[in-house]
Amino acid sequence: MLCATAAATLITGCTPDNPATSPSPHLNPARGSVADRAPYLCYFIPQSAVADVTGYNGPYDTGDEKRDPDGYSCVISNDEQSIFITRYDVSAPSRVIENFLEFGKESNLVKLPEKLGKGGISDFDIRLYPYRRASAWFRCGSNNSLIAITVKRNPARDQDHDLIQLMEIAQRRFAEMFKCEPGGPPQG
């Protein structure tokens, strides 16, 4: 009797489901808001966003907050992996964003809204850990600047939405740090 029940269960388990009643295999990620409030980590990341966006609630370290007049990277990490990585360049050539967009074509590229400049969001791995990164080339004052924000993947969140909000926060904070007016995509 036990063998007959197991066989029936196995056969039923291998029978294709009716597509109209099958649950979707895709997770519907949550679309939350990223609170724009101090304190900020790595120049641009609201501390409250670390757990919200990544789903990671453990201890972490942050890179130093020293500002370089030209460009700098900063990492928020735990003992195992990076959680957030930020990078900025006060004056960046167009080839930097062109290379990112070319790479992104093969990596689930989503374009950023034009008001944030020229750029996009795409997937990539660092030491076998999955990440999602937004890069924007934008005008700030007379410079064509670049900001990149990399976040540990969290399939429970709509990270494209999160990264767009984080890029808005980052550009506002960048403009405050460098006393320039953000102005969308660079000319030409």
C-alpha atoms as a PDB file:
ATOM      1  CA  MET A   1       0.000   0.000   0.000  1.00  0.00           C
ATOM      2  CA  LEU A   2       2.827   2.404   0.878  1.00  0.00           C
ATOM      3  CA  CYS A   3       4.513   1.703  -2.485  1.00  0.00           C
ATOM      4  CA  ALA A   4       1.252   2.343  -4.379  1.00  0.00           C
ATOM      5  CA  THR A   5       0.747   5.676  -2.570  1.00  0.00           C
ATOM      6  CA  ALA A   6       4.333   6.739  -3.283  1.00  0.00           C
ATOM      7  CA  ALA A   7       3.977   5.783  -6.949  1.00  0.00           C
ATOM      8  CA  ALA A   8       0.703   7.718  -7.263  1.00  0.00           C
ATOM      9  CA  THR A   9       2.292  10.744  -5.594  1.00  0.00           C
ATOM     10  CA  LEU A  10       5.310  10.538  -7.899  1.00  0.00           C
ATOM     11  CA  ILE A  11       3.143  10.258 -11.025  1.00  0.00           C
ATOM     12  CA  THR A  12       0.891  13.120  -9.903  1.00  0.00           C
ATOM     13  CA  GLY A  13       3.951  15.240  -9.098  1.00  0.00           C
ATOM     14  CA  CYS A  14       5.284  14.758 -12.622  1.00  0.00           C
ATOM     15  CA  THR A  15       1.995  15.585 -14.359  1.00  0.00           C
ATOM     16  CA  PRO A  16       2.053  19.074 -15.923  1.00  0.00           C
ATOM     17  CA  ASP A  17      -0.131  21.606 -14.137  1.00  0.00           C
ATOM     18  CA  ASN A  18      -2.923  23.472 -15.843  1.00  0.00           C
ATOM     19  CA  PRO A  19      -1.253  26.767 -16.862  1.00  0.00           C
ATOM     20  CA  ALA A  20      -4.364  28.740 -15.930  1.00  0.00           C
ATOM     21  CA  THR A  21      -4.191  27.560 -12.318  1.00  0.00           C
ATOM     22  CA  SER A  22      -0.418  27.191 -11.813  1.00  0.00           C
ATOM     23  CA  PRO A  23       1.193  29.681  -9.474  1.00  0.00           C
ATOM     24  CA  SER A  24       3.658  32.026 -11.139  1.00  0.00           C
ATOM     25  CA  PRO A  25       7.250  30.834 -10.727  1.00  0.00           C
ATOM     26  CA  HIS A  26       8.374  34.465 -10.385  1.00  0.00           C
ATOM     27  CA  LEU A  27       8.463  36.182  -7.051  1.00  0.00           C
ATOM     28  CA  ASN A  28       6.561  39.463  -6.948  1.00  0.00           C
ATOM     29  CA  PRO A  29       9.167  41.702  -5.347  1.00  0.00           C
ATOM     30  CA  ALA A  30       8.098  44.395  -2.902  1.00  0.00           C
ATOM     31  CA  ARG A  31       8.240  47.967  -4.140  1.00  0.00           C
ATOM     32  CA  GLY A  32       9.101  50.029  -1.108  1.00  0.00           C
ATOM     33  CA  SER A  33      10.306  53.531  -0.569  1.00  0.00           C
ATOM     34  CA  VAL A  34      13.873  54.351   0.323  1.00  0.00           C
ATOM     35  CA  ALA A  35      13.808  56.888   3.145  1.00  0.00           C
ATOM     36  CA  ASP A  36      16.069  59.858   2.405  1.00  0.00           C
ATOM     37  CA  ARG A  37      17.311  60.648   5.878  1.00  0.00           C
ATOM     38  CA  ALA A  38      20.557  60.880   7.815  1.00  0.00           C
ATOM     39  CA  PRO A  39      22.772  59.276   8.774  1.00  0.00           C
ATOM     40  CA  TYR A  40      24.287  58.440   5.386  1.00  0.00           C
ATOM     41  CA  LEU A  41      26.880  55.752   4.767  1.00  0.00           C
ATOM     42  CA  CYS A  42      29.402  55.858   1.917  1.00  0.00           C
ATOM     43  CA  TYR A  43      28.252  59.392   1.038  1.00  0.00           C
ATOM     44  CA  PHE A  44      24.921  58.444  -0.518  1.00  0.00           C
ATOM     45  CA  ILE A  45      23.285  55.478   1.244  1.00  0.00           C
ATOM     46  CA  PRO A  46      20.777  56.243   4.015  1.00  0.00           C
ATOM     47  CA  GLN A  47      21.674  53.900   6.878  1.00  0.00           C
ATOM     48  CA  SER A  48      18.055  52.748   7.097  1.00  0.00           C
ATOM     49  CA  ALA A  49      18.247  51.538   3.470  1.00  0.00           C
ATOM     50  CA  VAL A  50      20.923  48.913   4.183  1.00  0.00           C
ATOM     51  CA  ALA A  51      18.489  46.396   5.716  1.00  0.00           C
ATOM     52  CA  ASP A  52      15.458  47.546   3.710  1.00  0.00           C
ATOM     53  CA  VAL A  53      17.046  47.224   0.277  1.00  0.00           C
ATOM     54  CA  THR A  54      19.340  44.221   0.798  1.00  0.00           C
ATOM     55  CA  GLY A  55      17.404  42.233   3.386  1.00  0.00           C
ATOM     56  CA  TYR A  56      20.626  41.953   5.434  1.00  0.00           C
ATOM     57  CA  ASN A  57      20.152  42.749   9.139  1.00  0.00           C
ATOM     58  CA  GLY A  58      23.518  41.730  10.610  1.00  0.00           C
ATOM     59  CA  PRO A  59      26.583  43.733  11.568  1.00  0.00           C
ATOM     60  CA  TYR A  60      28.570  45.502   8.855  1.00  0.00           C
ATOM     61  CA  ASP A  61      31.527  47.821   8.384  1.00  0.00           C
ATOM     62  CA  THR A  62      31.682  50.941   6.247  1.00  0.00           C
ATOM     63  CA  GLY A  63      34.573  52.476   4.423  1.00  0.00           C
ATOM     64  CA  ASP A  64      35.866  55.834   5.526  1.00  0.00           C
ATOM     65  CA  GLU A  65      33.903  58.928   4.637  1.00  0.00           C
ATOM     66  CA  LYS A  66      36.831  60.979   3.373  1.00  0.00           C
ATOM     67  CA  ARG A  67      35.992  62.888   0.216  1.00  0.00           C
ATOM     68  CA  ASP A  68      38.378  63.012  -2.645  1.00  0.00           C
ATOM     69  CA  PRO A  69      38.093  66.058  -4.923  1.00  0.00           C
ATOM     70  CA  ASP A  70      38.091  63.854  -8.050  1.00  0.00           C
ATOM     71  CA  GLY A  71      36.547  60.487  -7.249  1.00  0.00           C
ATOM     72  CA  TYR A  72      36.303  57.775  -4.675  1.00  0.00           C
ATOM     73  CA  SER A  73      34.804  54.378  -3.885  1.00  0.00           C
ATOM     74  CA  CYS A  74      33.325  53.242  -0.578  1.00  0.00           C
ATOM     75  CA  VAL A  75      32.146  49.800   0.556  1.00  0.00           C
ATOM     76  CA  ILE A  76      29.612  48.662   3.152  1.00  0.00           C
ATOM     77  CA  SER A  77      30.415  45.012   3.895  1.00  0.00           C
ATOM     78  CA  ASN A  78      30.104  42.157   6.346  1.00  0.00           C
ATOM     79  CA  ASP A  79      32.713  39.437   6.927  1.00  0.00           C
ATOM     80  CA  GLU A  80      31.506  37.498   3.888  1.00  0.00           C
ATOM     81  CA  GLN A  81      30.678  39.975   1.141  1.00  0.00           C
ATOM     82  CA  SER A  82      30.055  43.568   0.100  1.00  0.00           C
ATOM     83  CA  ILE A  83      26.507  44.779   0.726  1.00  0.00           C
ATOM     84  CA  PHE A  84      26.698  48.198  -0.956  1.00  0.00           C
ATOM     85  CA  ILE A  85      29.427  49.798  -3.035  1.00  0.00           C
ATOM     86  CA  THR A  86      29.365  53.451  -4.066  1.00  0.00           C
ATOM     87  CA  ARG A  87      31.652  55.210  -6.476  1.00  0.00           C
ATOM     88  CA  TYR A  88      31.772  58.726  -7.819  1.00  0.00           C
ATOM     89  CA  ASP A  89      33.857  60.600 -10.343  1.00  0.00           C
ATOM     90  CA  VAL A  90      33.524  64.372 -10.438  1.00  0.00           C
ATOM     91  CA  SER A  91      34.561  64.468 -14.095  1.00  0.00           C
ATOM     92  CA  ALA A  92      34.090  61.258 -16.094  1.00  0.00           C
ATOM     93  CA  PRO A  93      34.500  60.668 -19.836  1.00  0.00           C
ATOM     94  CA  SER A  94      31.565  59.259 -21.817  1.00  0.00           C
ATOM     95  CA  ARG A  95      33.435  55.990 -22.509  1.00  0.00           C
ATOM     96  CA  VAL A  96      32.899  54.959 -18.858  1.00  0.00           C
ATOM     97  CA  ILE A  97      29.106  54.923 -19.192  1.00  0.00           C
ATOM     98  CA  GLU A  98      29.286  53.532 -22.733  1.00  0.00           C
ATOM     99  CA  ASN A  99      31.287  50.551 -21.430  1.00  0.00           C
ATOM    100  CA  PHE A 100      28.766  50.026 -18.632  1.00  0.00           C
ATOM    101  CA  LEU A 101      25.813  50.138 -21.047  1.00  0.00           C
ATOM    102  CA  GLU A 102      27.532  47.724 -23.426  1.00  0.00           C
ATOM    103  CA  PHE A 103      28.186  45.289 -20.588  1.00  0.00           C
ATOM    104  CA  GLY A 104      24.618  45.763 -19.345  1.00  0.00           C
ATOM    105  CA  LYS A 105      23.095  44.611 -22.631  1.00  0.00           C
ATOM    106  CA  GLU A 106      24.095  41.072 -21.672  1.00  0.00           C
ATOM    107  CA  SER A 107      23.152  41.490 -18.005  1.00  0.00           C
ATOM    108  CA  ASN A 108      19.450  42.369 -17.674  1.00  0.00           C
ATOM    109  CA  LEU A 109      19.858  46.097 -18.505  1.00  0.00           C
ATOM    110  CA  VAL A 110      17.180  48.590 -17.483  1.00  0.00           C
ATOM    111  CA  LYS A 111      17.703  52.211 -18.565  1.00  0.00           C
ATOM    112  CA  LEU A 112      17.580  54.946 -15.959  1.00  0.00           C
ATOM    113  CA  PRO A 113      15.015  57.747 -16.270  1.00  0.00           C
ATOM    114  CA  GLU A 114      16.483  60.538 -18.411  1.00  0.00           C
ATOM    115  CA  LYS A 115      16.242  63.065 -15.561  1.00  0.00           C
ATOM    116  CA  LEU A 116      19.041  61.077 -13.835  1.00  0.00           C
ATOM    117  CA  GLY A 117      21.340  61.338 -16.853  1.00  0.00           C
ATOM    118  CA  LYS A 118      22.607  58.657 -19.165  1.00  0.00           C
ATOM    119  CA  GLY A 119      22.882  55.238 -17.593  1.00  0.00           C
ATOM    120  CA  GLY A 120      21.244  52.056 -16.526  1.00  0.00           C
ATOM    121  CA  ILE A 121      20.868  49.235 -14.049  1.00  0.00           C
ATOM    122  CA  SER A 122      22.229  45.733 -14.627  1.00  0.00           C
ATOM    123  CA  ASP A 123      23.232  42.490 -12.920  1.00  0.00           C
ATOM    124  CA  PHE A 124      26.745  41.187 -12.320  1.00  0.00           C
ATOM    125  CA  ASP A 125      28.631  38.929  -9.936  1.00  0.00           C
ATOM    126  CA  ILE A 126      31.573  39.632  -7.655  1.00  0.00           C
ATOM    127  CA  ARG A 127      33.314  36.473  -6.393  1.00  0.00           C
ATOM    128  CA  LEU A 128      30.179  34.444  -7.198  1.00  0.00           C
ATOM    129  CA  TYR A 129      27.853  36.771  -5.226  1.00  0.00           C
ATOM    130  CA  PRO A 130      25.010  38.380  -7.235  1.00  0.00           C
ATOM    131  CA  TYR A 131      24.666  42.168  -7.363  1.00  0.00           C
ATOM    132  CA  ARG A 132      22.593  44.820  -9.130  1.00  0.00           C
ATOM    133  CA  ARG A 133      24.311  48.086 -10.100  1.00  0.00           C
ATOM    134  CA  ALA A 134      23.067  51.478 -11.242  1.00  0.00           C
ATOM    135  CA  SER A 135      25.443  53.839 -13.030  1.00  0.00           C
ATOM    136  CA  ALA A 136      24.534  57.367 -14.105  1.00  0.00           C
ATOM    137  CA  TRP A 137      26.560  59.864 -16.127  1.00  0.00           C
ATOM    138  CA  PHE A 138      25.037  63.271 -15.453  1.00  0.00           C
ATOM    139  CA  ARG A 139      25.753  66.979 -15.537  1.00  0.00           C
ATOM    140  CA  CYS A 140      26.525  68.743 -12.269  1.00  0.00           C
ATOM    141  CA  GLY A 141      27.503  72.344 -12.817  1.00  0.00           C
ATOM    142  CA  SER A 142      30.064  72.402 -15.644  1.00  0.00           C
ATOM    143  CA  ASN A 143      31.222  68.794 -15.081  1.00  0.00           C
ATOM    144  CA  ASN A 144      30.012  65.515 -16.542  1.00  0.00           C
ATOM    145  CA  SER A 145      30.005  63.373 -13.407  1.00  0.00           C
ATOM    146  CA  LEU A 146      29.429  59.694 -12.692  1.00  0.00           C
ATOM    147  CA  ILE A 147      27.842  57.879  -9.764  1.00  0.00           C
ATOM    148  CA  ALA A 148      27.637  54.097  -9.458  1.00  0.00           C
ATOM    149  CA  ILE A 149      25.710  52.296  -6.728  1.00  0.00           C
ATOM    150  CA  THR A 150      26.032  48.538  -6.358  1.00  0.00           C
ATOM    151  CA  VAL A 151      23.730  46.569  -4.076  1.00  0.00           C
ATOM    152  CA  LYS A 152      23.639  42.956  -2.914  1.00  0.00           C
ATOM    153  CA  ARG A 153      20.784  41.222  -4.778  1.00  0.00           C
ATOM    154  CA  ASN A 154      17.566  40.763  -2.842  1.00  0.00           C
ATOM    155  CA  PRO A 155      14.844  39.015  -4.892  1.00  0.00           C
ATOM    156  CA  ALA A 156      12.232  40.074  -2.321  1.00  0.00           C
ATOM    157  CA  ARG A 157      12.652  43.732  -3.386  1.00  0.00           C
ATOM    158  CA  ASP A 158      12.117  45.625  -6.634  1.00  0.00           C
ATOM    159  CA  GLN A 159      15.745  46.712  -6.710  1.00  0.00           C
ATOM    160  CA  ASP A 160      15.380  48.644  -9.955  1.00  0.00           C
ATOM    161  CA  HIS A 161      12.897  50.886  -8.156  1.00  0.00           C
ATOM    162  CA  ASP A 162      15.217  51.017  -5.113  1.00  0.00           C
ATOM    163  CA  LEU A 163      18.258  51.922  -7.225  1.00  0.00           C
ATOM    164  CA  ILE A 164      16.400  54.707  -9.028  1.00  0.00           C
ATOM    165  CA  GLN A 165      15.439  56.191  -5.651  1.00  0.00           C
ATOM    166  CA  LEU A 166      18.993  55.746  -4.348  1.00  0.00           C
ATOM    167  CA  MET A 167      20.398  57.433  -7.479  1.00  0.00           C
ATOM    168  CA  GLU A 168      18.090  60.422  -6.902  1.00  0.00           C
ATOM    169  CA  ILE A 169      19.342  60.642  -3.304  1.00  0.00           C
ATOM    170  CA  ALA A 170      22.970  60.218  -4.432  1.00  0.00           C
ATOM    171  CA  GLN A 171      22.766  62.977  -7.043  1.00  0.00           C
ATOM    172  CA  ARG A 172      21.195  65.370  -4.539  1.00  0.00           C
ATOM    173  CA  ARG A 173      23.899  64.550  -1.973  1.00  0.00           C
ATOM    174  CA  PHE A 174      26.621  64.801  -4.663  1.00  0.00           C
ATOM    175  CA  ALA A 175      25.370  68.281  -5.608  1.00  0.00           C
ATOM    176  CA  GLU A 176      25.494  69.312  -1.945  1.00  0.00           C
ATOM    177  CA  MET A 177      28.995  67.845  -1.461  1.00  0.00           C
ATOM    178  CA  PHE A 178      30.448  69.539  -4.531  1.00  0.00           C
ATOM    179  CA  LYS A 179      28.239  72.635  -4.569  1.00  0.00           C
ATOM    180  CA  CYS A 180      26.979  72.161  -8.111  1.00  0.00           C
ATOM    181  CA  GLU A 181      23.573  72.085  -9.757  1.00  0.00           C
ATOM    182  CA  PRO A 182      22.544  68.675 -11.155  1.00  0.00           C
ATOM    183  CA  GLY A 183      21.233  68.956 -14.708  1.00  0.00           C
ATOM    184  CA  GLY A 184      20.304  65.617 -16.281  1.00  0.00           C
ATOM    185  CA  PRO A 185      22.277  64.033 -19.113  1.00  0.00           C
ATOM    186  CA  PRO A 186      25.522  65.606 -20.324  1.00  0.00           C
ATOM    187  CA  GLN A 187      25.400  67.475 -23.619  1.00  0.00           C
ATOM    188  CA  GLY A 188      26.621  65.627 -26.691  1.00  0.00           C
END
